[in-house]
Amino acid sequence: MTVLTTTDSAEKAQELARGAVEARLAACAQISGPVTSVYHWRNAIETSQEWQVLFKTTEARYPSLEAHLTTVHDYETPEIIATPVVRGSAGYLAWIRQETTER
């Protein structure tokens, strides 16, 4: 499973990525950006620069990852979107399971 969130600085993106990987909520996190986001917020259309963080995790660890992101994220309503991995190499998927196992 991949999980996407966004934040408003590279430093915050690195903190979100590192925190989730250290807690074994994700095996890996990739940061992309900046990207331009255009969205409705409080009756206005906003445009801002954001950094995307894409986490690689398992379905079993998703609830804990979502709870973690909700707690540590500074956005009032953070984007947290999960997408199932339909296919992947057996070795890579095994590595994700291994690295997200609580120890």
N, C-alpha and C. Protein backbone atom coordinates (compact mmCIF):
# COMPACT_ATOMS: atom_id res chain seq x y z
N MET A 1 0.84 -1.16 0.00
CA MET A 1 0.00 0.00 0.00
C MET A 1 0.90 1.23 0.00
N THR A 2 0.47 2.24 -0.73
CA THR A 2 1.15 3.52 -0.67
C THR A 2 0.21 4.53 -0.02
N VAL A 3 0.79 5.46 0.71
CA VAL A 3 0.02 6.48 1.42
C VAL A 3 0.65 7.82 1.10
N LEU A 4 -0.17 8.77 0.66
CA LEU A 4 0.30 10.09 0.25
C LEU A 4 -0.16 11.14 1.23
N THR A 5 0.74 12.06 1.56
CA THR A 5 0.38 13.27 2.28
C THR A 5 1.18 14.42 1.68
N THR A 6 0.80 15.64 2.04
CA THR A 6 1.52 16.82 1.59
C THR A 6 1.76 17.73 2.78
N THR A 7 2.78 18.59 2.63
CA THR A 7 3.07 19.58 3.66
C THR A 7 3.71 20.79 2.99
N ASP A 8 3.88 21.87 3.74
CA ASP A 8 4.27 23.13 3.12
C ASP A 8 5.76 23.45 3.14
N SER A 9 6.61 22.49 3.51
CA SER A 9 8.05 22.74 3.44
C SER A 9 8.81 21.42 3.31
N ALA A 10 10.00 21.51 2.73
CA ALA A 10 10.84 20.33 2.60
C ALA A 10 11.24 19.79 3.96
N GLU A 11 11.48 20.69 4.91
CA GLU A 11 11.88 20.26 6.25
C GLU A 11 10.77 19.47 6.93
N LYS A 12 9.54 19.95 6.82
CA LYS A 12 8.40 19.23 7.42
C LYS A 12 8.20 17.89 6.74
N ALA A 13 8.39 17.84 5.43
CA ALA A 13 8.27 16.58 4.70
C ALA A 13 9.30 15.57 5.21
N GLN A 14 10.53 16.03 5.43
CA GLN A 14 11.57 15.13 5.95
C GLN A 14 11.23 14.64 7.35
N GLU A 15 10.66 15.51 8.18
CA GLU A 15 10.27 15.10 9.53
C GLU A 15 9.16 14.06 9.49
N LEU A 16 8.17 14.26 8.62
CA LEU A 16 7.09 13.28 8.49
C LEU A 16 7.64 11.95 7.99
N ALA A 17 8.51 11.99 6.99
CA ALA A 17 9.10 10.77 6.43
C ALA A 17 9.92 10.03 7.48
N ARG A 18 10.83 10.73 8.12
CA ARG A 18 11.70 10.11 9.11
C ARG A 18 10.92 9.53 10.29
N GLY A 19 9.94 10.28 10.77
CA GLY A 19 9.15 9.82 11.92
C GLY A 19 8.42 8.52 11.63
N ALA A 20 7.83 8.42 10.44
CA ALA A 20 7.09 7.21 10.09
C ALA A 20 8.01 6.02 9.89
N VAL A 21 9.16 6.25 9.26
CA VAL A 21 10.11 5.15 9.04
C VAL A 21 10.73 4.71 10.37
N GLU A 22 11.11 5.66 11.21
CA GLU A 22 11.69 5.30 12.52
C GLU A 22 10.71 4.49 13.36
N ALA A 23 9.42 4.82 13.27
CA ALA A 23 8.39 4.11 14.05
C ALA A 23 7.95 2.81 13.38
N ARG A 24 8.56 2.47 12.25
CA ARG A 24 8.24 1.28 11.47
C ARG A 24 6.79 1.26 10.99
N LEU A 25 6.25 2.45 10.77
CA LEU A 25 4.91 2.58 10.20
C LEU A 25 4.99 2.54 8.68
N ALA A 26 6.17 2.79 8.15
CA ALA A 26 6.45 2.71 6.71
C ALA A 26 7.86 2.17 6.54
N ALA A 27 8.05 1.40 5.48
CA ALA A 27 9.39 0.87 5.20
C ALA A 27 10.24 1.93 4.51
N CYS A 28 9.58 2.83 3.81
CA CYS A 28 10.26 3.82 2.99
C CYS A 28 9.33 5.00 2.82
N ALA A 29 9.89 6.17 2.64
CA ALA A 29 9.10 7.36 2.31
C ALA A 29 9.89 8.17 1.29
N GLN A 30 9.22 8.57 0.25
CA GLN A 30 9.84 9.38 -0.79
C GLN A 30 9.23 10.77 -0.79
N ILE A 31 10.08 11.77 -0.94
CA ILE A 31 9.65 13.17 -0.93
C ILE A 31 9.81 13.74 -2.32
N SER A 32 8.76 14.36 -2.83
CA SER A 32 8.78 15.03 -4.13
C SER A 32 8.32 16.46 -3.95
N GLY A 33 8.90 17.35 -4.70
CA GLY A 33 8.42 18.72 -4.64
C GLY A 33 9.50 19.70 -4.99
N PRO A 34 9.12 20.92 -5.01
CA PRO A 34 7.78 21.39 -4.68
C PRO A 34 6.79 21.13 -5.81
N VAL A 35 5.54 20.98 -5.42
CA VAL A 35 4.43 20.89 -6.36
C VAL A 35 3.51 22.07 -6.08
N THR A 36 2.74 22.46 -7.07
CA THR A 36 1.77 23.52 -6.87
C THR A 36 0.41 22.91 -6.64
N SER A 37 -0.23 23.27 -5.54
CA SER A 37 -1.56 22.77 -5.21
C SER A 37 -2.57 23.91 -5.32
N VAL A 38 -3.69 23.62 -5.95
CA VAL A 38 -4.78 24.58 -6.08
C VAL A 38 -6.01 23.91 -5.47
N TYR A 39 -6.66 24.58 -4.50
CA TYR A 39 -7.73 23.91 -3.76
C TYR A 39 -8.68 24.93 -3.14
N HIS A 40 -9.88 24.44 -2.81
CA HIS A 40 -10.85 25.24 -2.07
C HIS A 40 -10.51 25.15 -0.59
N TRP A 41 -10.49 26.28 0.10
CA TRP A 41 -10.29 26.29 1.55
C TRP A 41 -10.95 27.53 2.12
N ARG A 42 -11.90 27.32 3.01
CA ARG A 42 -12.60 28.42 3.69
C ARG A 42 -13.18 29.43 2.71
N ASN A 43 -13.96 28.91 1.77
CA ASN A 43 -14.68 29.73 0.79
C ASN A 43 -13.78 30.53 -0.15
N ALA A 44 -12.59 30.08 -0.37
CA ALA A 44 -11.69 30.74 -1.30
C ALA A 44 -10.89 29.68 -2.06
N ILE A 45 -10.38 30.05 -3.20
CA ILE A 45 -9.48 29.16 -3.93
C ILE A 45 -8.05 29.57 -3.58
N GLU A 46 -7.31 28.62 -3.07
CA GLU A 46 -5.93 28.85 -2.64
C GLU A 46 -4.96 28.21 -3.61
N THR A 47 -3.78 28.78 -3.71
CA THR A 47 -2.68 28.19 -4.47
C THR A 47 -1.46 28.23 -3.57
N SER A 48 -0.79 27.09 -3.43
CA SER A 48 0.38 27.05 -2.56
C SER A 48 1.39 26.03 -3.07
N GLN A 49 2.62 26.18 -2.58
CA GLN A 49 3.67 25.20 -2.85
C GLN A 49 3.62 24.17 -1.74
N GLU A 50 3.72 22.90 -2.14
CA GLU A 50 3.74 21.82 -1.15
C GLU A 50 4.75 20.77 -1.57
N TRP A 51 5.08 19.92 -0.62
CA TRP A 51 5.95 18.77 -0.85
C TRP A 51 5.12 17.54 -0.57
N GLN A 52 5.22 16.55 -1.46
CA GLN A 52 4.49 15.31 -1.29
C GLN A 52 5.39 14.28 -0.62
N VAL A 53 4.80 13.52 0.28
CA VAL A 53 5.50 12.41 0.91
C VAL A 53 4.71 11.14 0.59
N LEU A 54 5.36 10.18 -0.04
CA LEU A 54 4.73 8.92 -0.40
C LEU A 54 5.35 7.81 0.45
N PHE A 55 4.52 7.22 1.30
CA PHE A 55 4.96 6.17 2.22
C PHE A 55 4.65 4.80 1.63
N LYS A 56 5.57 3.84 1.83
CA LYS A 56 5.33 2.45 1.45
C LYS A 56 5.09 1.69 2.74
N THR A 57 3.91 1.08 2.86
CA THR A 57 3.54 0.39 4.09
C THR A 57 2.67 -0.81 3.77
N THR A 58 2.13 -1.44 4.79
CA THR A 58 1.22 -2.57 4.61
C THR A 58 -0.18 -2.15 5.07
N GLU A 59 -1.15 -2.91 4.61
CA GLU A 59 -2.52 -2.62 5.03
C GLU A 59 -2.66 -2.74 6.54
N ALA A 60 -1.94 -3.68 7.13
CA ALA A 60 -2.02 -3.87 8.59
C ALA A 60 -1.48 -2.66 9.35
N ARG A 61 -0.49 -1.96 8.80
CA ARG A 61 0.11 -0.82 9.49
C ARG A 61 -0.56 0.51 9.15
N TYR A 62 -1.48 0.49 8.14
CA TYR A 62 -2.12 1.74 7.74
C TYR A 62 -2.81 2.47 8.90
N PRO A 63 -3.64 1.82 9.72
CA PRO A 63 -4.31 2.57 10.78
C PRO A 63 -3.33 3.31 11.71
N SER A 64 -2.23 2.68 12.03
CA SER A 64 -1.23 3.33 12.89
C SER A 64 -0.53 4.47 12.18
N LEU A 65 -0.25 4.29 10.88
CA LEU A 65 0.36 5.37 10.11
C LEU A 65 -0.58 6.56 10.01
N GLU A 66 -1.85 6.30 9.72
CA GLU A 66 -2.82 7.40 9.64
C GLU A 66 -2.92 8.13 10.99
N ALA A 67 -3.00 7.39 12.07
CA ALA A 67 -3.07 8.01 13.40
C ALA A 67 -1.83 8.85 13.67
N HIS A 68 -0.67 8.34 13.32
CA HIS A 68 0.58 9.07 13.50
C HIS A 68 0.58 10.37 12.70
N LEU A 69 0.23 10.28 11.42
CA LEU A 69 0.22 11.48 10.58
C LEU A 69 -0.79 12.50 11.08
N THR A 70 -1.94 12.05 11.49
CA THR A 70 -2.96 12.96 12.01
C THR A 70 -2.46 13.69 13.26
N THR A 71 -1.71 12.99 14.09
CA THR A 71 -1.20 13.57 15.33
C THR A 71 -0.07 14.56 15.09
N VAL A 72 0.88 14.22 14.22
CA VAL A 72 2.08 15.05 14.07
C VAL A 72 1.97 16.11 12.97
N HIS A 73 1.01 15.96 12.09
CA HIS A 73 0.88 16.91 10.97
C HIS A 73 0.34 18.24 11.49
N ASP A 74 0.84 19.34 10.94
CA ASP A 74 0.38 20.65 11.42
C ASP A 74 -0.78 21.22 10.61
N TYR A 75 -1.22 20.53 9.57
CA TYR A 75 -2.39 20.98 8.82
C TYR A 75 -3.66 20.66 9.62
N GLU A 76 -4.64 21.53 9.52
CA GLU A 76 -5.93 21.28 10.18
C GLU A 76 -6.60 20.03 9.60
N THR A 77 -6.53 19.89 8.29
CA THR A 77 -7.10 18.73 7.60
C THR A 77 -6.04 18.19 6.63
N PRO A 78 -5.10 17.38 7.13
CA PRO A 78 -4.04 16.91 6.24
C PRO A 78 -4.56 15.92 5.21
N GLU A 79 -3.97 15.98 4.03
CA GLU A 79 -4.26 14.99 3.00
C GLU A 79 -3.60 13.68 3.42
N ILE A 80 -4.41 12.65 3.54
CA ILE A 80 -3.91 11.29 3.80
C ILE A 80 -4.72 10.37 2.90
N ILE A 81 -4.08 9.89 1.84
CA ILE A 81 -4.76 9.06 0.86
C ILE A 81 -3.99 7.75 0.70
N ALA A 82 -4.69 6.65 0.86
CA ALA A 82 -4.07 5.33 0.73
C ALA A 82 -4.50 4.69 -0.59
N THR A 83 -3.54 4.07 -1.25
CA THR A 83 -3.79 3.37 -2.51
C THR A 83 -3.24 1.96 -2.39
N PRO A 84 -4.06 0.96 -2.68
CA PRO A 84 -3.54 -0.41 -2.60
C PRO A 84 -2.52 -0.68 -3.70
N VAL A 85 -1.56 -1.51 -3.40
CA VAL A 85 -0.60 -1.97 -4.41
C VAL A 85 -1.19 -3.24 -5.00
N VAL A 86 -1.53 -3.20 -6.25
CA VAL A 86 -2.17 -4.33 -6.92
C VAL A 86 -1.16 -5.42 -7.23
N ARG A 87 0.03 -5.00 -7.66
CA ARG A 87 1.10 -5.94 -7.96
C ARG A 87 2.43 -5.31 -7.60
N GLY A 88 3.41 -6.15 -7.34
CA GLY A 88 4.75 -5.69 -7.05
C GLY A 88 5.68 -6.89 -6.97
N SER A 89 6.97 -6.62 -7.02
CA SER A 89 7.91 -7.74 -6.94
C SER A 89 7.82 -8.37 -5.55
N ALA A 90 7.87 -9.67 -5.53
CA ALA A 90 7.73 -10.42 -4.28
C ALA A 90 8.79 -10.00 -3.27
N GLY A 91 10.02 -9.81 -3.74
CA GLY A 91 11.09 -9.42 -2.82
C GLY A 91 10.87 -8.06 -2.20
N TYR A 92 10.42 -7.09 -3.00
CA TYR A 92 10.19 -5.74 -2.48
C TYR A 92 9.02 -5.73 -1.50
N LEU A 93 7.95 -6.42 -1.83
CA LEU A 93 6.80 -6.47 -0.93
C LEU A 93 7.15 -7.18 0.37
N ALA A 94 7.97 -8.21 0.29
CA ALA A 94 8.43 -8.90 1.52
C ALA A 94 9.27 -7.95 2.36
N TRP A 95 10.11 -7.14 1.71
CA TRP A 95 10.93 -6.16 2.44
C TRP A 95 10.04 -5.16 3.18
N ILE A 96 8.97 -4.68 2.52
CA ILE A 96 8.05 -3.75 3.18
C ILE A 96 7.43 -4.40 4.40
N ARG A 97 6.97 -5.64 4.26
CA ARG A 97 6.39 -6.34 5.42
C ARG A 97 7.40 -6.48 6.55
N GLN A 98 8.62 -6.85 6.21
CA GLN A 98 9.67 -7.03 7.21
C GLN A 98 9.98 -5.73 7.94
N GLU A 99 10.10 -4.64 7.21
CA GLU A 99 10.49 -3.37 7.80
C GLU A 99 9.37 -2.66 8.57
N THR A 100 8.14 -3.09 8.36
CA THR A 100 7.03 -2.48 9.08
C THR A 100 6.51 -3.37 10.20
N THR A 101 7.24 -4.42 10.49
CA THR A 101 6.87 -5.30 11.61
C THR A 101 7.38 -4.66 12.91
N GLU A 102 6.47 -4.55 13.86
CA GLU A 102 6.88 -3.98 15.16
C GLU A 102 7.92 -4.87 15.82
N ARG A 103 8.89 -4.23 16.42
CA ARG A 103 9.96 -5.00 17.09
C ARG A 103 10.03 -4.68 18.54
